[in-house]
Amino acid sequence: MAKEKTPVTQAIRVLREHQVTVVEHLYKYEDKGGTRVSARELGVEEHAVIKTLIMEDEQKKPLIVLMHGDCEVGIGMLAKQIGAKKVSPCDPKTADKHSGYQVGGTSPFGTRHAMPVYMEASIAELPRIYINGGKRGFLVEMTPQDLMRVLNPTLVNAAA
């Protein structure tokens, strides 16, 4: 059986441009399966699978939140730390419009519009992370240091 070719997404182009070494992983995507499915399919801890969430503040300004797969975002804690009155998840259509990716395949790299990136601080302590490569069923494995070098995220403590 021929090995399935990994896609060259906008995220992959950005990572190559920044000379980030990644290991590409394709897996069988399940609708609404989230990080639980990708962790299971790759045989890794869900804590190391990082979800990319498109949210917005009270003025509808979009932002990216990077969170451990096995954690939720405490939106009140996040809002307080970033100086917003409130933060809420974007509906999927709005998230797609801001990121240029389809929900379930959203990558923080190469988004359609530049947005501030907030990352759960403890992600930086992991040896390797698995994050969306810009397509459903496609994760890239990399170091958190490379992610931080490319995205320069603001570190927050908002895991709930």
C-alpha atoms as a PDB file:
ATOM      1  CA  MET A   1       0.000   0.000   0.000  1.00  0.00           C
ATOM      2  CA  ALA A   2       1.383   3.424  -0.947  1.00  0.00           C
ATOM      3  CA  LYS A   3       2.081   5.824   1.890  1.00  0.00           C
ATOM      4  CA  GLU A   4      -0.373   8.713   1.869  1.00  0.00           C
ATOM      5  CA  LYS A   5       1.330  11.978   0.924  1.00  0.00           C
ATOM      6  CA  THR A   6       1.235  14.672   3.571  1.00  0.00           C
ATOM      7  CA  PRO A   7      -0.366  17.945   2.476  1.00  0.00           C
ATOM      8  CA  VAL A   8       1.568  21.152   1.909  1.00  0.00           C
ATOM      9  CA  THR A   9      -0.675  23.614   3.734  1.00  0.00           C
ATOM     10  CA  GLN A  10      -0.099  27.278   4.496  1.00  0.00           C
ATOM     11  CA  ALA A  11       1.005  26.150   7.985  1.00  0.00           C
ATOM     12  CA  ILE A  12       3.669  23.868   6.487  1.00  0.00           C
ATOM     13  CA  ARG A  13       4.882  26.697   4.229  1.00  0.00           C
ATOM     14  CA  VAL A  14       5.271  29.005   7.253  1.00  0.00           C
ATOM     15  CA  LEU A  15       7.107  26.329   9.257  1.00  0.00           C
ATOM     16  CA  ARG A  16       9.477  25.654   6.336  1.00  0.00           C
ATOM     17  CA  GLU A  17      10.067  29.396   5.914  1.00  0.00           C
ATOM     18  CA  HIS A  18      11.149  29.528   9.584  1.00  0.00           C
ATOM     19  CA  GLN A  19      13.256  26.366   9.161  1.00  0.00           C
ATOM     20  CA  VAL A  20      11.294  24.424  11.763  1.00  0.00           C
ATOM     21  CA  THR A  21      11.925  20.694  11.750  1.00  0.00           C
ATOM     22  CA  VAL A  22       8.634  18.826  12.112  1.00  0.00           C
ATOM     23  CA  VAL A  23       7.482  15.234  11.965  1.00  0.00           C
ATOM     24  CA  GLU A  24       4.263  15.029   9.957  1.00  0.00           C
ATOM     25  CA  HIS A  25       1.498  12.690  11.141  1.00  0.00           C
ATOM     26  CA  LEU A  26      -1.628  11.789   9.190  1.00  0.00           C
ATOM     27  CA  TYR A  27      -4.465  10.045  11.037  1.00  0.00           C
ATOM     28  CA  LYS A  28      -8.073   9.090  10.411  1.00  0.00           C
ATOM     29  CA  TYR A  29     -10.063  12.210  11.334  1.00  0.00           C
ATOM     30  CA  GLU A  30     -13.332  11.725  13.221  1.00  0.00           C
ATOM     31  CA  ASP A  31     -15.867  14.558  13.256  1.00  0.00           C
ATOM     32  CA  LYS A  32     -16.155  15.961  16.794  1.00  0.00           C
ATOM     33  CA  GLY A  33     -13.432  13.544  17.959  1.00  0.00           C
ATOM     34  CA  GLY A  34     -11.011  16.311  18.890  1.00  0.00           C
ATOM     35  CA  THR A  35      -7.670  15.742  20.567  1.00  0.00           C
ATOM     36  CA  ARG A  36      -8.880  12.503  22.180  1.00  0.00           C
ATOM     37  CA  VAL A  37      -9.037  10.850  18.751  1.00  0.00           C
ATOM     38  CA  SER A  38      -5.773  12.312  17.428  1.00  0.00           C
ATOM     39  CA  ALA A  39      -3.906  11.300  20.610  1.00  0.00           C
ATOM     40  CA  ARG A  40      -5.319   7.780  20.368  1.00  0.00           C
ATOM     41  CA  GLU A  41      -4.504   7.480  16.664  1.00  0.00           C
ATOM     42  CA  LEU A  42      -0.922   8.719  17.152  1.00  0.00           C
ATOM     43  CA  GLY A  43      -0.397   6.772  20.396  1.00  0.00           C
ATOM     44  CA  VAL A  44       0.585   9.874  22.398  1.00  0.00           C
ATOM     45  CA  GLU A  45      -0.611  11.559  25.586  1.00  0.00           C
ATOM     46  CA  GLU A  46      -3.575  13.866  24.958  1.00  0.00           C
ATOM     47  CA  HIS A  47      -1.823  16.452  27.166  1.00  0.00           C
ATOM     48  CA  ALA A  48       0.862  16.842  24.429  1.00  0.00           C
ATOM     49  CA  VAL A  49      -1.728  17.353  21.658  1.00  0.00           C
ATOM     50  CA  ILE A  50      -2.286  21.096  21.479  1.00  0.00           C
ATOM     51  CA  LYS A  51      -5.618  22.446  20.330  1.00  0.00           C
ATOM     52  CA  THR A  52      -5.839  25.715  18.406  1.00  0.00           C
ATOM     53  CA  LEU A  53      -8.945  27.643  19.413  1.00  0.00           C
ATOM     54  CA  ILE A  54     -10.205  30.786  17.690  1.00  0.00           C
ATOM     55  CA  MET A  55     -11.935  33.027  20.223  1.00  0.00           C
ATOM     56  CA  GLU A  56     -13.007  36.647  20.369  1.00  0.00           C
ATOM     57  CA  ASP A  57     -13.169  39.382  22.958  1.00  0.00           C
ATOM     58  CA  GLU A  58     -16.161  41.572  23.791  1.00  0.00           C
ATOM     59  CA  GLN A  59     -15.366  43.798  20.785  1.00  0.00           C
ATOM     60  CA  LYS A  60     -15.419  40.744  18.467  1.00  0.00           C
ATOM     61  CA  LYS A  61     -11.630  40.981  17.986  1.00  0.00           C
ATOM     62  CA  PRO A  62     -10.330  37.471  17.206  1.00  0.00           C
ATOM     63  CA  LEU A  63      -7.527  35.770  19.095  1.00  0.00           C
ATOM     64  CA  ILE A  64      -5.865  32.368  19.117  1.00  0.00           C
ATOM     65  CA  VAL A  65      -5.658  30.253  22.254  1.00  0.00           C
ATOM     66  CA  LEU A  66      -3.338  27.229  22.393  1.00  0.00           C
ATOM     67  CA  MET A  67      -4.362  24.726  25.061  1.00  0.00           C
ATOM     68  CA  HIS A  68      -3.479  21.182  26.124  1.00  0.00           C
ATOM     69  CA  GLY A  69      -5.863  18.687  24.526  1.00  0.00           C
ATOM     70  CA  ASP A  70      -6.974  17.322  27.887  1.00  0.00           C
ATOM     71  CA  CYS A  71      -7.762  20.766  29.361  1.00  0.00           C
ATOM     72  CA  GLU A  72     -10.485  23.342  28.878  1.00  0.00           C
ATOM     73  CA  VAL A  73      -9.934  27.098  28.659  1.00  0.00           C
ATOM     74  CA  GLY A  74     -11.118  28.963  31.730  1.00  0.00           C
ATOM     75  CA  ILE A  75     -12.487  31.879  29.742  1.00  0.00           C
ATOM     76  CA  GLY A  76     -12.904  34.097  32.793  1.00  0.00           C
ATOM     77  CA  MET A  77      -9.274  33.497  33.818  1.00  0.00           C
ATOM     78  CA  LEU A  78      -8.120  34.135  30.257  1.00  0.00           C
ATOM     79  CA  ALA A  79     -10.127  37.360  29.902  1.00  0.00           C
ATOM     80  CA  LYS A  80      -8.689  38.699  33.157  1.00  0.00           C
ATOM     81  CA  GLN A  81      -5.097  37.917  32.113  1.00  0.00           C
ATOM     82  CA  ILE A  82      -5.387  39.537  28.683  1.00  0.00           C
ATOM     83  CA  GLY A  83      -7.280  42.614  29.881  1.00  0.00           C
ATOM     84  CA  ALA A  84     -10.581  41.786  28.186  1.00  0.00           C
ATOM     85  CA  LYS A  85     -14.043  42.099  29.733  1.00  0.00           C
ATOM     86  CA  LYS A  86     -15.000  38.741  28.270  1.00  0.00           C
ATOM     87  CA  VAL A  87     -13.726  36.103  25.872  1.00  0.00           C
ATOM     88  CA  SER A  88     -15.846  33.558  24.053  1.00  0.00           C
ATOM     89  CA  PRO A  89     -15.295  30.925  21.356  1.00  0.00           C
ATOM     90  CA  CYS A  90     -16.097  31.997  17.797  1.00  0.00           C
ATOM     91  CA  ASP A  91     -18.789  30.065  15.984  1.00  0.00           C
ATOM     92  CA  PRO A  92     -17.209  27.678  13.432  1.00  0.00           C
ATOM     93  CA  LYS A  93     -18.034  29.829  10.384  1.00  0.00           C
ATOM     94  CA  THR A  94     -16.455  32.929  11.965  1.00  0.00           C
ATOM     95  CA  ALA A  95     -13.436  30.920  13.150  1.00  0.00           C
ATOM     96  CA  ASP A  96     -12.930  29.596   9.594  1.00  0.00           C
ATOM     97  CA  LYS A  97     -13.133  33.150   8.220  1.00  0.00           C
ATOM     98  CA  HIS A  98     -10.498  34.479  10.658  1.00  0.00           C
ATOM     99  CA  SER A  99      -8.068  31.576  10.370  1.00  0.00           C
ATOM    100  CA  GLY A 100      -8.480  30.512   6.748  1.00  0.00           C
ATOM    101  CA  TYR A 101      -8.697  26.923   7.985  1.00  0.00           C
ATOM    102  CA  GLN A 102     -11.639  24.609   8.555  1.00  0.00           C
ATOM    103  CA  VAL A 103     -12.549  23.961  12.200  1.00  0.00           C
ATOM    104  CA  GLY A 104     -10.996  20.624  13.121  1.00  0.00           C
ATOM    105  CA  GLY A 105      -8.012  21.514  10.949  1.00  0.00           C
ATOM    106  CA  THR A 106      -7.117  24.925  12.374  1.00  0.00           C
ATOM    107  CA  SER A 107      -3.415  25.629  12.709  1.00  0.00           C
ATOM    108  CA  PRO A 108      -1.962  28.671  14.476  1.00  0.00           C
ATOM    109  CA  PHE A 109       0.624  28.945  11.676  1.00  0.00           C
ATOM    110  CA  GLY A 110      -0.191  30.808   8.474  1.00  0.00           C
ATOM    111  CA  THR A 111      -3.604  32.119   9.447  1.00  0.00           C
ATOM    112  CA  ARG A 112      -5.501  34.291   6.970  1.00  0.00           C
ATOM    113  CA  HIS A 113      -5.487  37.230   9.399  1.00  0.00           C
ATOM    114  CA  ALA A 114      -2.818  38.023  11.995  1.00  0.00           C
ATOM    115  CA  MET A 115      -4.235  37.505  15.489  1.00  0.00           C
ATOM    116  CA  PRO A 116      -2.701  37.668  18.955  1.00  0.00           C
ATOM    117  CA  VAL A 117      -1.688  34.206  20.184  1.00  0.00           C
ATOM    118  CA  TYR A 118      -2.105  33.158  23.832  1.00  0.00           C
ATOM    119  CA  MET A 119      -0.534  29.885  24.935  1.00  0.00           C
ATOM    120  CA  GLU A 120      -1.050  27.955  28.159  1.00  0.00           C
ATOM    121  CA  ALA A 121       2.317  28.444  29.895  1.00  0.00           C
ATOM    122  CA  SER A 122       2.819  24.772  30.793  1.00  0.00           C
ATOM    123  CA  ILE A 123       2.908  23.822  27.083  1.00  0.00           C
ATOM    124  CA  ALA A 124       6.417  25.328  27.009  1.00  0.00           C
ATOM    125  CA  GLU A 125       7.560  22.674  29.514  1.00  0.00           C
ATOM    126  CA  LEU A 126       6.711  19.700  27.272  1.00  0.00           C
ATOM    127  CA  PRO A 127       9.541  17.969  25.372  1.00  0.00           C
ATOM    128  CA  ARG A 128       7.448  17.571  22.158  1.00  0.00           C
ATOM    129  CA  ILE A 129       4.034  18.809  21.085  1.00  0.00           C
ATOM    130  CA  TYR A 130       1.573  17.727  18.402  1.00  0.00           C
ATOM    131  CA  ILE A 131      -0.351  20.569  16.780  1.00  0.00           C
ATOM    132  CA  ASN A 132      -2.582  20.893  13.746  1.00  0.00           C
ATOM    133  CA  GLY A 133      -0.793  21.208  10.425  1.00  0.00           C
ATOM    134  CA  GLY A 134      -3.663  23.008   8.684  1.00  0.00           C
ATOM    135  CA  LYS A 135      -5.908  20.138   7.615  1.00  0.00           C
ATOM    136  CA  ARG A 136      -8.253  17.735   9.368  1.00  0.00           C
ATOM    137  CA  GLY A 137      -6.400  14.520  10.199  1.00  0.00           C
ATOM    138  CA  PHE A 138      -2.951  16.130   9.981  1.00  0.00           C
ATOM    139  CA  LEU A 139      -0.766  16.977  12.986  1.00  0.00           C
ATOM    140  CA  VAL A 140       2.835  18.131  13.096  1.00  0.00           C
ATOM    141  CA  GLU A 141       5.182  17.124  15.902  1.00  0.00           C
ATOM    142  CA  MET A 142       7.668  19.770  17.005  1.00  0.00           C
ATOM    143  CA  THR A 143       9.283  21.363  20.043  1.00  0.00           C
ATOM    144  CA  PRO A 144       7.404  24.043  21.976  1.00  0.00           C
ATOM    145  CA  GLN A 145      10.528  26.220  21.626  1.00  0.00           C
ATOM    146  CA  ASP A 146      10.103  26.238  17.831  1.00  0.00           C
ATOM    147  CA  LEU A 147       6.425  27.132  18.210  1.00  0.00           C
ATOM    148  CA  MET A 148       7.361  30.004  20.516  1.00  0.00           C
ATOM    149  CA  ARG A 149      10.067  31.230  18.132  1.00  0.00           C
ATOM    150  CA  VAL A 150       7.636  31.349  15.187  1.00  0.00           C
ATOM    151  CA  LEU A 151       4.476  32.606  16.929  1.00  0.00           C
ATOM    152  CA  ASN A 152       5.874  34.587  19.888  1.00  0.00           C
ATOM    153  CA  PRO A 153       2.763  33.805  21.970  1.00  0.00           C
ATOM    154  CA  THR A 154       1.790  35.507  25.210  1.00  0.00           C
ATOM    155  CA  LEU A 155       1.936  32.902  27.979  1.00  0.00           C
ATOM    156  CA  VAL A 156      -1.168  32.587  30.148  1.00  0.00           C
ATOM    157  CA  ASN A 157      -2.439  30.338  32.944  1.00  0.00           C
ATOM    158  CA  ALA A 158      -6.003  29.640  31.886  1.00  0.00           C
ATOM    159  CA  ALA A 159      -6.334  25.855  32.000  1.00  0.00           C
ATOM    160  CA  ALA A 160      -9.527  24.757  33.716  1.00  0.00           C
END
